[in-house]
Structures are given as C-alpha cells and as structure tokens.
Amino acid sequence: MIPDILIVFDSAGFHLLHGHLHLAVMLSESGKASVDVKGHGTVLISKRPTGLVVQTGEADLPLLPY
C-alpha cells in the first residue's frame, strides 16, 4: 500500500485527491494498487481499458477526478 495516495469517498463515488503520479507508477508496473480509504479500508485500484476502477467488496466503481 502507498500512503502517499489519497482517495476519498462521497455521495458521487471515489475521488483521487493526491498521489496521481505514485498511482500511475504502481499501475504501470502491475496494473493494480492497494490503497487505504478512510471509512472503507483497503481497496484495490485496477487499470482497465475504460479507465481506473475501484474494486470494493460490493462493486466495482470508477475512480473519479476531483
């Protein structure tokens, strides 16, 4: 997990606030990254042809810009 990446969750979904470059490096190496999200625990970010997706226990949601 990378503590330099900050993702928050609100009524619209998951938003990447900080650590864009760190996340890009991790995704370029393996295509996936684990990130801690306050209130949701650890989520898995994966790179797909349609964009970045947050994989939680319930569903896969897009990672939105803020």
PDB file of N, CA and C in Angstrom:
ATOM      1  N   MET A   1       0.829  -1.179   0.000  1.00  0.00           N
ATOM      2  CA  MET A   1       0.000   0.000   0.000  1.00  0.00           C
ATOM      3  C   MET A   1       0.876   1.245   0.000  1.00  0.00           C
ATOM      4  N   ILE A   2       0.333   2.296  -0.569  1.00  0.00           N
ATOM      5  CA  ILE A   2       1.080   3.534  -0.714  1.00  0.00           C
ATOM      6  C   ILE A   2       0.396   4.621   0.110  1.00  0.00           C
ATOM      7  N   PRO A   3       1.049   5.107   1.174  1.00  0.00           N
ATOM      8  CA  PRO A   3       0.399   6.133   1.994  1.00  0.00           C
ATOM      9  C   PRO A   3       0.340   7.503   1.316  1.00  0.00           C
ATOM     10  N   ASP A   4       1.087   7.705   0.230  1.00  0.00           N
ATOM     11  CA  ASP A   4       1.106   8.994  -0.458  1.00  0.00           C
ATOM     12  C   ASP A   4      -0.081   9.195  -1.385  1.00  0.00           C
ATOM     13  N   ILE A   5      -0.935   8.202  -1.521  1.00  0.00           N
ATOM     14  CA  ILE A   5      -2.115   8.316  -2.377  1.00  0.00           C
ATOM     15  C   ILE A   5      -3.327   8.576  -1.483  1.00  0.00           C
ATOM     16  N   LEU A   6      -4.068   9.623  -1.808  1.00  0.00           N
ATOM     17  CA  LEU A   6      -5.241   9.977  -1.015  1.00  0.00           C
ATOM     18  C   LEU A   6      -6.493   9.867  -1.875  1.00  0.00           C
ATOM     19  N   ILE A   7      -7.346   8.937  -1.502  1.00  0.00           N
ATOM     20  CA  ILE A   7      -8.627   8.734  -2.174  1.00  0.00           C
ATOM     21  C   ILE A   7      -9.711   8.911  -1.128  1.00  0.00           C
ATOM     22  N   VAL A   8     -10.755   9.658  -1.489  1.00  0.00           N
ATOM     23  CA  VAL A   8     -11.882   9.864  -0.582  1.00  0.00           C
ATOM     24  C   VAL A   8     -13.156   9.349  -1.246  1.00  0.00           C
ATOM     25  N   PHE A   9     -14.149   9.079  -0.417  1.00  0.00           N
ATOM     26  CA  PHE A   9     -15.442   8.613  -0.903  1.00  0.00           C
ATOM     27  C   PHE A   9     -16.505   9.604  -0.465  1.00  0.00           C
ATOM     28  N   ASP A  10     -17.362   9.999  -1.409  1.00  0.00           N
ATOM     29  CA  ASP A  10     -18.521  10.823  -1.075  1.00  0.00           C
ATOM     30  C   ASP A  10     -19.723  10.279  -1.840  1.00  0.00           C
ATOM     31  N   SER A  11     -20.793  11.031  -1.879  1.00  0.00           N
ATOM     32  CA  SER A  11     -22.030  10.542  -2.500  1.00  0.00           C
ATOM     33  C   SER A  11     -21.874  10.273  -3.994  1.00  0.00           C
ATOM     34  N   ALA A  12     -20.911  10.912  -4.646  1.00  0.00           N
ATOM     35  CA  ALA A  12     -20.696  10.700  -6.088  1.00  0.00           C
ATOM     36  C   ALA A  12     -19.826   9.488  -6.366  1.00  0.00           C
ATOM     37  N   GLY A  13     -19.010   9.076  -5.400  1.00  0.00           N
ATOM     38  CA  GLY A  13     -18.131   7.926  -5.591  1.00  0.00           C
ATOM     39  C   GLY A  13     -16.746   8.181  -5.029  1.00  0.00           C
ATOM     40  N   PHE A  14     -15.748   7.466  -5.543  1.00  0.00           N
ATOM     41  CA  PHE A  14     -14.367   7.587  -5.096  1.00  0.00           C
ATOM     42  C   PHE A  14     -13.652   8.651  -5.923  1.00  0.00           C
ATOM     43  N   HIS A  15     -12.880   9.509  -5.235  1.00  0.00           N
ATOM     44  CA  HIS A  15     -12.153  10.595  -5.895  1.00  0.00           C
ATOM     45  C   HIS A  15     -10.675  10.527  -5.522  1.00  0.00           C
ATOM     46  N   LEU A  16      -9.809  10.687  -6.504  1.00  0.00           N
ATOM     47  CA  LEU A  16      -8.370  10.745  -6.282  1.00  0.00           C
ATOM     48  C   LEU A  16      -7.981  12.198  -6.016  1.00  0.00           C
ATOM     49  N   LEU A  17      -7.519  12.480  -4.777  1.00  0.00           N
ATOM     50  CA  LEU A  17      -7.170  13.842  -4.390  1.00  0.00           C
ATOM     51  C   LEU A  17      -5.682  14.126  -4.483  1.00  0.00           C
ATOM     52  N   HIS A  18      -4.864  13.124  -4.182  1.00  0.00           N
ATOM     53  CA  HIS A  18      -3.419  13.336  -4.107  1.00  0.00           C
ATOM     54  C   HIS A  18      -2.709  12.032  -4.469  1.00  0.00           C
ATOM     55  N   GLY A  19      -1.557  12.161  -5.108  1.00  0.00           N
ATOM     56  CA  GLY A  19      -0.752  10.985  -5.412  1.00  0.00           C
ATOM     57  C   GLY A  19      -0.970  10.435  -6.806  1.00  0.00           C
ATOM     58  N   HIS A  20      -1.354  11.296  -7.727  1.00  0.00           N
ATOM     59  CA  HIS A  20      -1.617  10.858  -9.099  1.00  0.00           C
ATOM     60  C   HIS A  20      -0.405  10.143  -9.701  1.00  0.00           C
ATOM     61  N   LEU A  21       0.787  10.710  -9.501  1.00  0.00           N
ATOM     62  CA  LEU A  21       1.991  10.116 -10.090  1.00  0.00           C
ATOM     63  C   LEU A  21       2.361   8.798  -9.424  1.00  0.00           C
ATOM     64  N   HIS A  22       2.233   8.724  -8.108  1.00  0.00           N
ATOM     65  CA  HIS A  22       2.513   7.468  -7.405  1.00  0.00           C
ATOM     66  C   HIS A  22       1.585   6.357  -7.895  1.00  0.00           C
ATOM     67  N   LEU A  23       0.329   6.701  -8.052  1.00  0.00           N
ATOM     68  CA  LEU A  23      -0.642   5.720  -8.530  1.00  0.00           C
ATOM     69  C   LEU A  23      -0.322   5.297  -9.961  1.00  0.00           C
ATOM     70  N   ALA A  24       0.051   6.241 -10.799  1.00  0.00           N
ATOM     71  CA  ALA A  24       0.391   5.922 -12.191  1.00  0.00           C
ATOM     72  C   ALA A  24       1.581   4.974 -12.271  1.00  0.00           C
ATOM     73  N   VAL A  25       2.580   5.185 -11.420  1.00  0.00           N
ATOM     74  CA  VAL A  25       3.755   4.310 -11.406  1.00  0.00           C
ATOM     75  C   VAL A  25       3.363   2.899 -10.977  1.00  0.00           C
ATOM     76  N   MET A  26       2.589   2.792  -9.916  1.00  0.00           N
ATOM     77  CA  MET A  26       2.162   1.472  -9.435  1.00  0.00           C
ATOM     78  C   MET A  26       1.333   0.740 -10.486  1.00  0.00           C
ATOM     79  N   LEU A  27       0.444   1.453 -11.146  1.00  0.00           N
ATOM     80  CA  LEU A  27      -0.409   0.821 -12.148  1.00  0.00           C
ATOM     81  C   LEU A  27       0.378   0.439 -13.396  1.00  0.00           C
ATOM     82  N   SER A  28       1.429   1.183 -13.715  1.00  0.00           N
ATOM     83  CA  SER A  28       2.233   0.837 -14.887  1.00  0.00           C
ATOM     84  C   SER A  28       3.051  -0.418 -14.641  1.00  0.00           C
ATOM     85  N   GLU A  29       3.410  -0.678 -13.394  1.00  0.00           N
ATOM     86  CA  GLU A  29       4.208  -1.857 -13.055  1.00  0.00           C
ATOM     87  C   GLU A  29       3.366  -3.131 -13.006  1.00  0.00           C
ATOM     88  N   SER A  30       2.230  -3.067 -12.322  1.00  0.00           N
ATOM     89  CA  SER A  30       1.461  -4.297 -12.112  1.00  0.00           C
ATOM     90  C   SER A  30       0.020  -4.221 -12.592  1.00  0.00           C
ATOM     91  N   GLY A  31      -0.469  -3.025 -12.883  1.00  0.00           N
ATOM     92  CA  GLY A  31      -1.860  -2.874 -13.289  1.00  0.00           C
ATOM     93  C   GLY A  31      -2.825  -2.779 -12.126  1.00  0.00           C
ATOM     94  N   LYS A  32      -2.286  -2.912 -10.876  1.00  0.00           N
ATOM     95  CA  LYS A  32      -3.131  -2.846  -9.687  1.00  0.00           C
ATOM     96  C   LYS A  32      -2.378  -2.167  -8.557  1.00  0.00           C
ATOM     97  N   ALA A  33      -3.133  -1.540  -7.652  1.00  0.00           N
ATOM     98  CA  ALA A  33      -2.544  -0.916  -6.469  1.00  0.00           C
ATOM     99  C   ALA A  33      -3.547  -0.978  -5.329  1.00  0.00           C
ATOM    100  N   SER A  34      -3.061  -1.255  -4.129  1.00  0.00           N
ATOM    101  CA  SER A  34      -3.902  -1.261  -2.936  1.00  0.00           C
ATOM    102  C   SER A  34      -3.757   0.081  -2.231  1.00  0.00           C
ATOM    103  N   VAL A  35      -4.891   0.673  -1.885  1.00  0.00           N
ATOM    104  CA  VAL A  35      -4.893   1.993  -1.256  1.00  0.00           C
ATOM    105  C   VAL A  35      -5.880   1.975  -0.086  1.00  0.00           C
ATOM    106  N   ASP A  36      -5.477   2.595   1.029  1.00  0.00           N
ATOM    107  CA  ASP A  36      -6.379   2.740   2.176  1.00  0.00           C
ATOM    108  C   ASP A  36      -7.293   3.927   1.948  1.00  0.00           C
ATOM    109  N   VAL A  37      -8.590   3.716   2.127  1.00  0.00           N
ATOM    110  CA  VAL A  37      -9.586   4.780   2.012  1.00  0.00           C
ATOM    111  C   VAL A  37     -10.304   4.860   3.354  1.00  0.00           C
ATOM    112  N   LYS A  38     -10.266   6.040   3.959  1.00  0.00           N
ATOM    113  CA  LYS A  38     -10.894   6.219   5.268  1.00  0.00           C
ATOM    114  C   LYS A  38     -12.374   5.848   5.191  1.00  0.00           C
ATOM    115  N   GLY A  39     -12.795   4.996   6.091  1.00  0.00           N
ATOM    116  CA  GLY A  39     -14.185   4.572   6.142  1.00  0.00           C
ATOM    117  C   GLY A  39     -14.491   3.349   5.283  1.00  0.00           C
ATOM    118  N   HIS A  40     -13.554   2.967   4.407  1.00  0.00           N
ATOM    119  CA  HIS A  40     -13.769   1.811   3.527  1.00  0.00           C
ATOM    120  C   HIS A  40     -12.664   0.774   3.640  1.00  0.00           C
ATOM    121  N   GLY A  41     -11.606   1.091   4.352  1.00  0.00           N
ATOM    122  CA  GLY A  41     -10.495   0.166   4.480  1.00  0.00           C
ATOM    123  C   GLY A  41      -9.652   0.138   3.210  1.00  0.00           C
ATOM    124  N   THR A  42      -9.054  -0.991   2.940  1.00  0.00           N
ATOM    125  CA  THR A  42      -8.183  -1.123   1.780  1.00  0.00           C
ATOM    126  C   THR A  42      -9.010  -1.491   0.555  1.00  0.00           C
ATOM    127  N   VAL A  43      -8.803  -0.727  -0.519  1.00  0.00           N
ATOM    128  CA  VAL A  43      -9.479  -1.008  -1.788  1.00  0.00           C
ATOM    129  C   VAL A  43      -8.407  -1.284  -2.836  1.00  0.00           C
ATOM    130  N   LEU A  44      -8.782  -1.969  -3.871  1.00  0.00           N
ATOM    131  CA  LEU A  44      -7.879  -2.296  -4.962  1.00  0.00           C
ATOM    132  C   LEU A  44      -8.228  -1.427  -6.162  1.00  0.00           C
ATOM    133  N   ILE A  45      -7.237  -0.700  -6.654  1.00  0.00           N
ATOM    134  CA  ILE A  45      -7.402   0.113  -7.853  1.00  0.00           C
ATOM    135  C   ILE A  45      -6.820  -0.674  -9.013  1.00  0.00           C
ATOM    136  N   SER A  46      -7.573  -0.832 -10.065  1.00  0.00           N
ATOM    137  CA  SER A  46      -7.065  -1.546 -11.230  1.00  0.00           C
ATOM    138  C   SER A  46      -7.270  -0.720 -12.486  1.00  0.00           C
ATOM    139  N   LYS A  47      -6.384  -0.941 -13.432  1.00  0.00           N
ATOM    140  CA  LYS A  47      -6.417  -0.216 -14.701  1.00  0.00           C
ATOM    141  C   LYS A  47      -7.139  -1.077 -15.725  1.00  0.00           C
ATOM    142  N   ARG A  48      -8.178  -0.518 -16.319  1.00  0.00           N
ATOM    143  CA  ARG A  48      -8.953  -1.218 -17.343  1.00  0.00           C
ATOM    144  C   ARG A  48      -9.005  -0.353 -18.599  1.00  0.00           C
ATOM    145  N   PRO A  49      -9.382  -0.914 -19.721  1.00  0.00           N
ATOM    146  CA  PRO A  49      -9.469  -0.113 -20.952  1.00  0.00           C
ATOM    147  C   PRO A  49     -10.421   1.085 -20.834  1.00  0.00           C
ATOM    148  N   THR A  50     -11.423   0.965 -19.968  1.00  0.00           N
ATOM    149  CA  THR A  50     -12.397   2.046 -19.805  1.00  0.00           C
ATOM    150  C   THR A  50     -11.951   3.093 -18.788  1.00  0.00           C
ATOM    151  N   GLY A  51     -10.870   2.839 -18.060  1.00  0.00           N
ATOM    152  CA  GLY A  51     -10.366   3.774 -17.062  1.00  0.00           C
ATOM    153  C   GLY A  51      -9.973   3.069 -15.785  1.00  0.00           C
ATOM    154  N   LEU A  52      -9.763   3.841 -14.732  1.00  0.00           N
ATOM    155  CA  LEU A  52      -9.385   3.283 -13.438  1.00  0.00           C
ATOM    156  C   LEU A  52     -10.638   2.888 -12.662  1.00  0.00           C
ATOM    157  N   VAL A  53     -10.563   1.730 -12.006  1.00  0.00           N
ATOM    158  CA  VAL A  53     -11.713   1.178 -11.291  1.00  0.00           C
ATOM    159  C   VAL A  53     -11.307   0.868  -9.853  1.00  0.00           C
ATOM    160  N   VAL A  54     -12.186   1.219  -8.925  1.00  0.00           N
ATOM    161  CA  VAL A  54     -12.007   0.896  -7.511  1.00  0.00           C
ATOM    162  C   VAL A  54     -12.788  -0.382  -7.242  1.00  0.00           C
ATOM    163  N   GLN A  55     -12.082  -1.417  -6.826  1.00  0.00           N
ATOM    164  CA  GLN A  55     -12.735  -2.690  -6.520  1.00  0.00           C
ATOM    165  C   GLN A  55     -12.936  -2.774  -5.016  1.00  0.00           C
ATOM    166  N   THR A  56     -14.199  -2.751  -4.618  1.00  0.00           N
ATOM    167  CA  THR A  56     -14.552  -2.915  -3.210  1.00  0.00           C
ATOM    168  C   THR A  56     -15.250  -4.263  -3.074  1.00  0.00           C
ATOM    169  N   GLY A  57     -15.633  -4.603  -1.869  1.00  0.00           N
ATOM    170  CA  GLY A  57     -16.321  -5.867  -1.670  1.00  0.00           C
ATOM    171  C   GLY A  57     -17.671  -5.918  -2.348  1.00  0.00           C
ATOM    172  N   GLU A  58     -18.330  -4.766  -2.456  1.00  0.00           N
ATOM    173  CA  GLU A  58     -19.690  -4.732  -3.004  1.00  0.00           C
ATOM    174  C   GLU A  58     -19.722  -4.614  -4.524  1.00  0.00           C
ATOM    175  N   ALA A  59     -18.900  -3.732  -5.063  1.00  0.00           N
ATOM    176  CA  ALA A  59     -18.996  -3.454  -6.508  1.00  0.00           C
ATOM    177  C   ALA A  59     -17.706  -2.837  -7.016  1.00  0.00           C
ATOM    178  N   ASP A  60     -17.604  -2.728  -8.323  1.00  0.00           N
ATOM    179  CA  ASP A  60     -16.502  -2.023  -8.970  1.00  0.00           C
ATOM    180  C   ASP A  60     -17.010  -0.648  -9.397  1.00  0.00           C
ATOM    181  N   LEU A  61     -16.369   0.398  -8.887  1.00  0.00           N
ATOM    182  CA  LEU A  61     -16.799   1.768  -9.178  1.00  0.00           C
ATOM    183  C   LEU A  61     -15.663   2.517  -9.866  1.00  0.00           C
ATOM    184  N   PRO A  62     -15.985   3.460 -10.738  1.00  0.00           N
ATOM    185  CA  PRO A  62     -14.914   4.220 -11.393  1.00  0.00           C
ATOM    186  C   PRO A  62     -14.218   5.144 -10.402  1.00  0.00           C
ATOM    187  N   LEU A  63     -12.926   5.375 -10.628  1.00  0.00           N
ATOM    188  CA  LEU A  63     -12.164   6.334  -9.834  1.00  0.00           C
ATOM    189  C   LEU A  63     -12.305   7.684 -10.531  1.00  0.00           C
ATOM    190  N   LEU A  64     -12.928   8.629  -9.841  1.00  0.00           N
ATOM    191  CA  LEU A  64     -13.257   9.925 -10.424  1.00  0.00           C
ATOM    192  C   LEU A  64     -12.205  10.963 -10.077  1.00  0.00           C
ATOM    193  N   PRO A  65     -11.960  11.920 -10.991  1.00  0.00           N
ATOM    194  CA  PRO A  65     -11.101  13.052 -10.637  1.00  0.00           C
ATOM    195  C   PRO A  65     -11.863  13.969  -9.688  1.00  0.00           C
ATOM    196  N   TYR A  66     -11.152  14.818  -8.949  1.00  0.00           N
ATOM    197  CA  TYR A  66     -11.849  15.708  -8.025  1.00  0.00           C
ATOM    198  C   TYR A  66     -11.858  17.104  -8.521  1.00  0.00           C
TER     199      TYR A  66
END
